[in-house]
């Protein structure tokens, strides 16, 4: 059996480790959130570029169609 002082130190060390794990987990969650936000922003920008390209293609096809008629 540990002396009361050693038990107290052991309990404090365990609590410190638990706190550190919680902090690391929260940090990882924040990193994951920021990565997801970045990927979503990139995806949104890609979609905007695709929409713009599609719109330009549609305008060009309409122009060709009108000049042929």
N, C-alpha and C. Protein backbone atom coordinates (compact mmCIF):
# COMPACT_ATOMS: atom_id res chain seq x y z
N UNK A 1 0.84 -1.19 0.00
CA UNK A 1 0.00 0.00 0.00
C UNK A 1 0.88 1.24 0.00
N UNK A 2 0.49 2.23 -0.79
CA UNK A 2 1.27 3.46 -0.89
C UNK A 2 0.99 4.37 0.29
N UNK A 3 2.00 5.15 0.61
CA UNK A 3 1.79 6.13 1.67
C UNK A 3 0.81 7.19 1.16
N UNK A 4 0.13 7.89 2.06
CA UNK A 4 -0.85 8.89 1.63
C UNK A 4 -0.25 9.95 0.70
N UNK A 5 1.00 10.35 0.95
CA UNK A 5 1.64 11.35 0.10
C UNK A 5 1.87 10.81 -1.30
N UNK A 6 2.35 9.56 -1.39
CA UNK A 6 2.57 8.94 -2.70
C UNK A 6 1.25 8.73 -3.44
N UNK A 7 0.21 8.34 -2.70
CA UNK A 7 -1.11 8.18 -3.32
C UNK A 7 -1.59 9.50 -3.89
N UNK A 8 -1.38 10.57 -3.14
CA UNK A 8 -1.80 11.90 -3.58
C UNK A 8 -1.04 12.30 -4.85
N UNK A 9 0.27 12.04 -4.86
CA UNK A 9 1.08 12.35 -6.04
C UNK A 9 0.64 11.51 -7.24
N UNK A 10 0.36 10.23 -6.99
CA UNK A 10 -0.08 9.33 -8.06
C UNK A 10 -1.42 9.80 -8.62
N UNK A 11 -2.33 10.18 -7.75
CA UNK A 11 -3.64 10.68 -8.18
C UNK A 11 -3.47 11.97 -8.99
N UNK A 12 -2.61 12.86 -8.54
CA UNK A 12 -2.37 14.11 -9.26
C UNK A 12 -1.75 13.84 -10.63
N UNK A 13 -0.83 12.88 -10.68
CA UNK A 13 -0.19 12.54 -11.96
C UNK A 13 -1.22 11.96 -12.92
N UNK A 14 -2.08 11.07 -12.42
CA UNK A 14 -3.12 10.50 -13.27
C UNK A 14 -4.07 11.57 -13.78
N UNK A 15 -4.43 12.49 -12.90
CA UNK A 15 -5.33 13.58 -13.29
C UNK A 15 -4.64 14.45 -14.35
N UNK A 16 -3.37 14.71 -14.16
CA UNK A 16 -2.61 15.49 -15.14
C UNK A 16 -2.57 14.80 -16.50
N UNK A 17 -2.39 13.49 -16.49
CA UNK A 17 -2.38 12.73 -17.75
C UNK A 17 -3.75 12.77 -18.42
N UNK A 18 -4.81 12.65 -17.62
CA UNK A 18 -6.16 12.73 -18.18
C UNK A 18 -6.40 14.10 -18.81
N UNK A 19 -5.99 15.14 -18.11
CA UNK A 19 -6.16 16.50 -18.64
C UNK A 19 -5.38 16.67 -19.94
N UNK A 20 -4.16 16.15 -19.98
CA UNK A 20 -3.33 16.26 -21.18
C UNK A 20 -3.97 15.52 -22.34
N UNK A 21 -4.51 14.34 -22.09
CA UNK A 21 -5.20 13.58 -23.15
C UNK A 21 -6.41 14.36 -23.67
N UNK A 22 -7.16 14.97 -22.75
CA UNK A 22 -8.32 15.76 -23.16
C UNK A 22 -7.90 16.95 -24.02
N UNK A 23 -6.83 17.61 -23.63
CA UNK A 23 -6.33 18.76 -24.40
C UNK A 23 -5.88 18.31 -25.78
N UNK A 24 -5.15 17.21 -25.84
CA UNK A 24 -4.69 16.69 -27.13
C UNK A 24 -5.86 16.29 -28.02
N UNK A 25 -6.88 15.69 -27.42
CA UNK A 25 -8.06 15.30 -28.18
C UNK A 25 -8.78 16.54 -28.72
N UNK A 26 -8.92 17.57 -27.88
CA UNK A 26 -9.58 18.80 -28.34
C UNK A 26 -8.76 19.46 -29.45
N UNK A 27 -7.44 19.46 -29.32
CA UNK A 27 -6.59 20.02 -30.36
C UNK A 27 -6.77 19.26 -31.67
N UNK A 28 -6.82 17.93 -31.59
CA UNK A 28 -7.01 17.12 -32.79
C UNK A 28 -8.36 17.40 -33.42
N UNK A 29 -9.39 17.57 -32.59
CA UNK A 29 -10.72 17.89 -33.12
C UNK A 29 -10.70 19.24 -33.84
N UNK A 30 -9.98 20.22 -33.28
CA UNK A 30 -9.88 21.53 -33.94
C UNK A 30 -9.13 21.41 -35.26
N UNK A 31 -8.06 20.64 -35.27
CA UNK A 31 -7.30 20.43 -36.51
C UNK A 31 -8.19 19.77 -37.56
N UNK A 32 -8.92 18.74 -37.15
CA UNK A 32 -9.83 18.05 -38.07
C UNK A 32 -10.88 19.02 -38.62
N UNK A 33 -11.43 19.87 -37.74
CA UNK A 33 -12.44 20.84 -38.16
C UNK A 33 -11.86 21.81 -39.19
N UNK A 34 -10.65 22.31 -38.93
CA UNK A 34 -10.03 23.26 -39.87
C UNK A 34 -9.69 22.59 -41.19
N UNK A 35 -9.25 21.34 -41.14
CA UNK A 35 -8.99 20.60 -42.39
C UNK A 35 -10.28 20.46 -43.19
N UNK A 36 -11.36 20.09 -42.52
CA UNK A 36 -12.65 19.93 -43.19
C UNK A 36 -13.11 21.26 -43.78
N UNK A 37 -12.95 22.34 -43.03
CA UNK A 37 -13.33 23.66 -43.53
C UNK A 37 -12.54 24.02 -44.77
N UNK A 38 -11.23 23.72 -44.76
CA UNK A 38 -10.38 24.00 -45.91
C UNK A 38 -10.82 23.19 -47.12
N UNK A 39 -11.09 21.90 -46.91
CA UNK A 39 -11.53 21.03 -48.00
C UNK A 39 -12.87 21.51 -48.55
N UNK A 40 -13.77 21.90 -47.67
CA UNK A 40 -15.07 22.40 -48.12
C UNK A 40 -14.90 23.68 -48.94
N UNK A 41 -14.02 24.57 -48.51
CA UNK A 41 -13.78 25.82 -49.25
C UNK A 41 -13.18 25.52 -50.62
N UNK A 42 -12.21 24.61 -50.66
CA UNK A 42 -11.61 24.22 -51.94
C UNK A 42 -12.66 23.61 -52.86
N UNK A 43 -13.51 22.76 -52.31
CA UNK A 43 -14.57 22.13 -53.09
C UNK A 43 -15.54 23.17 -53.64
N UNK A 44 -15.88 24.14 -52.80
CA UNK A 44 -16.78 25.22 -53.23
C UNK A 44 -16.15 26.01 -54.37
N UNK A 45 -14.87 26.35 -54.24
CA UNK A 45 -14.18 27.10 -55.28
C UNK A 45 -14.10 26.29 -56.57
N UNK A 46 -13.82 25.00 -56.46
CA UNK A 46 -13.81 24.13 -57.64
C UNK A 46 -15.17 24.13 -58.32
N UNK A 47 -16.23 24.03 -57.53
CA UNK A 47 -17.59 24.02 -58.09
C UNK A 47 -17.89 25.34 -58.79
N UNK A 48 -17.45 26.45 -58.21
CA UNK A 48 -17.66 27.76 -58.85
C UNK A 48 -16.95 27.82 -60.19
N UNK A 49 -15.71 27.31 -60.24
CA UNK A 49 -14.97 27.30 -61.50
C UNK A 49 -15.67 26.41 -62.53
N UNK A 50 -16.17 25.26 -62.10
CA UNK A 50 -16.89 24.37 -63.01
C UNK A 50 -18.16 25.04 -63.53
N UNK A 51 -18.89 25.70 -62.64
CA UNK A 51 -20.12 26.40 -63.05
C UNK A 51 -19.80 27.49 -64.07
N UNK A 52 -18.72 28.22 -63.82
CA UNK A 52 -18.32 29.30 -64.73
C UNK A 52 -17.94 28.72 -66.10
N UNK A 53 -17.17 27.65 -66.10
CA UNK A 53 -16.76 27.01 -67.35
C UNK A 53 -17.98 26.48 -68.10
N UNK A 54 -18.90 25.86 -67.38
CA UNK A 54 -20.13 25.34 -68.01
C UNK A 54 -20.95 26.48 -68.60
N UNK A 55 -21.03 27.57 -67.89
CA UNK A 55 -21.79 28.73 -68.37
C UNK A 55 -21.16 29.29 -69.64
N UNK A 56 -19.83 29.39 -69.65
CA UNK A 56 -19.13 29.88 -70.84
C UNK A 56 -19.36 28.94 -72.02
N UNK A 57 -19.32 27.63 -71.75
CA UNK A 57 -19.55 26.65 -72.81
C UNK A 57 -20.96 26.75 -73.36
N UNK A 58 -21.93 26.94 -72.49
CA UNK A 58 -23.32 27.08 -72.92
C UNK A 58 -23.49 28.33 -73.78
N UNK A 59 -22.89 29.44 -73.36
CA UNK A 59 -22.97 30.67 -74.14
C UNK A 59 -22.34 30.48 -75.52
N UNK A 60 -21.21 29.80 -75.56
CA UNK A 60 -20.53 29.56 -76.83
C UNK A 60 -21.39 28.69 -77.75
N UNK A 61 -22.00 27.65 -77.19
CA UNK A 61 -22.87 26.78 -77.99
C UNK A 61 -24.09 27.56 -78.51
N UNK A 62 -24.65 28.40 -77.68
CA UNK A 62 -25.80 29.20 -78.11
C UNK A 62 -25.39 30.15 -79.23
N UNK A 63 -24.22 30.73 -79.10
CA UNK A 63 -23.72 31.65 -80.13
C UNK A 63 -23.53 30.91 -81.45
N UNK A 64 -22.94 29.73 -81.40
CA UNK A 64 -22.72 28.92 -82.61
C UNK A 64 -24.07 28.55 -83.23
N UNK A 65 -25.00 28.15 -82.39
CA UNK A 65 -26.32 27.75 -82.88
C UNK A 65 -27.03 28.93 -83.55
N UNK A 66 -26.92 30.11 -82.97
CA UNK A 66 -27.59 31.30 -83.53
C UNK A 66 -26.96 31.71 -84.86
N UNK A 67 -25.64 31.60 -84.97
CA UNK A 67 -24.99 32.00 -86.22
C UNK A 67 -25.30 31.02 -87.34
N UNK A 68 -25.59 29.78 -87.00
CA UNK A 68 -25.93 28.78 -88.02
C UNK A 68 -27.36 28.96 -88.52
N UNK A 69 -28.22 29.50 -87.68
CA UNK A 69 -29.63 29.65 -88.09
C UNK A 69 -29.79 30.95 -88.74
